Amino acid sequence: MESIGVYTVCSKFNIPCVGIRIISNNELLNEMLDKSKATKLQELLFNLILFKAL
């Protein structure tokens, strides 16, 4: 839901964008929060941004 504002602005200025979301737990299945998923996503995004910046 929050990404629609970003997509709208980027679209108006012809700037490509991508939204990456993570679901860290599931209340329906009583899954425990797995912080390692968030850490792995942060590492992936950091490497992606760093690679693009070079």
C-alpha atoms as a PDB file:
ATOM      1  CA  MET A   1       0.000   0.000   0.000  1.00  0.00           C
ATOM      2  CA  GLU A   2       2.722   2.495   0.908  1.00  0.00           C
ATOM      3  CA  SER A   3       4.569   1.883  -2.342  1.00  0.00           C
ATOM      4  CA  ILE A   4       1.809   3.325  -4.531  1.00  0.00           C
ATOM      5  CA  GLY A   5       2.860   6.882  -3.631  1.00  0.00           C
ATOM      6  CA  VAL A   6       6.447   6.141  -4.620  1.00  0.00           C
ATOM      7  CA  TYR A   7       5.352   4.483  -7.860  1.00  0.00           C
ATOM      8  CA  THR A   8       3.084   7.424  -8.703  1.00  0.00           C
ATOM      9  CA  VAL A   9       5.826  10.021  -8.240  1.00  0.00           C
ATOM     10  CA  CYS A  10       8.405   7.917 -10.076  1.00  0.00           C
ATOM     11  CA  SER A  11       5.982   7.384 -12.933  1.00  0.00           C
ATOM     12  CA  LYS A  12       5.344  11.131 -13.272  1.00  0.00           C
ATOM     13  CA  PHE A  13       9.102  11.771 -13.541  1.00  0.00           C
ATOM     14  CA  ASN A  14       9.846   8.655 -15.659  1.00  0.00           C
ATOM     15  CA  ILE A  15      12.075   7.184 -12.962  1.00  0.00           C
ATOM     16  CA  PRO A  16      12.165   3.372 -12.673  1.00  0.00           C
ATOM     17  CA  CYS A  17      11.569   1.939  -9.224  1.00  0.00           C
ATOM     18  CA  VAL A  18      11.023  -1.378  -7.544  1.00  0.00           C
ATOM     19  CA  GLY A  19       9.374  -2.281  -4.258  1.00  0.00           C
ATOM     20  CA  ILE A  20      10.814  -5.098  -2.183  1.00  0.00           C
ATOM     21  CA  ARG A  21       8.850  -6.346   0.801  1.00  0.00           C
ATOM     22  CA  ILE A  22       9.400  -9.104   3.291  1.00  0.00           C
ATOM     23  CA  ILE A  23       6.918 -11.033   5.368  1.00  0.00           C
ATOM     24  CA  SER A  24       8.842 -12.019   8.449  1.00  0.00           C
ATOM     25  CA  ASN A  25       6.185 -14.084  10.211  1.00  0.00           C
ATOM     26  CA  ASN A  26       2.690 -15.422   9.706  1.00  0.00           C
ATOM     27  CA  GLU A  27       0.067 -15.060  12.431  1.00  0.00           C
ATOM     28  CA  LEU A  28      -2.216 -17.614  10.793  1.00  0.00           C
ATOM     29  CA  LEU A  29       0.401 -20.356  11.089  1.00  0.00           C
ATOM     30  CA  ASN A  30       1.789 -19.117  14.431  1.00  0.00           C
ATOM     31  CA  GLU A  31       5.263 -18.811  12.935  1.00  0.00           C
ATOM     32  CA  MET A  32       7.916 -17.190  15.082  1.00  0.00           C
ATOM     33  CA  LEU A  33       9.664 -14.047  13.925  1.00  0.00           C
ATOM     34  CA  ASP A  34      12.831 -14.958  12.030  1.00  0.00           C
ATOM     35  CA  LYS A  35      15.172 -11.970  12.247  1.00  0.00           C
ATOM     36  CA  SER A  36      17.665 -13.652   9.931  1.00  0.00           C
ATOM     37  CA  LYS A  37      15.275 -13.048   7.001  1.00  0.00           C
ATOM     38  CA  ALA A  38      15.390  -9.296   7.586  1.00  0.00           C
ATOM     39  CA  THR A  39      19.174  -9.395   7.929  1.00  0.00           C
ATOM     40  CA  LYS A  40      19.535 -11.334   4.670  1.00  0.00           C
ATOM     41  CA  LEU A  41      17.237  -8.869   2.883  1.00  0.00           C
ATOM     42  CA  GLN A  42      19.260  -5.925   4.194  1.00  0.00           C
ATOM     43  CA  GLU A  43      22.465  -7.538   2.930  1.00  0.00           C
ATOM     44  CA  LEU A  44      20.902  -8.227  -0.465  1.00  0.00           C
ATOM     45  CA  LEU A  45      19.657  -4.656  -0.835  1.00  0.00           C
ATOM     46  CA  PHE A  46      22.953  -3.185   0.349  1.00  0.00           C
ATOM     47  CA  ASN A  47      24.878  -5.243  -2.212  1.00  0.00           C
ATOM     48  CA  LEU A  48      22.375  -4.392  -4.951  1.00  0.00           C
ATOM     49  CA  ILE A  49      22.603  -0.651  -4.251  1.00  0.00           C
ATOM     50  CA  LEU A  50      26.365  -0.762  -3.871  1.00  0.00           C
ATOM     51  CA  PHE A  51      26.744  -2.646  -7.156  1.00  0.00           C
ATOM     52  CA  LYS A  52      24.459  -0.182  -8.990  1.00  0.00           C
ATOM     53  CA  ALA A  53      26.373   2.785  -7.584  1.00  0.00           C
ATOM     54  CA  LEU A  54      29.716   1.532  -8.921  1.00  0.00           C
END
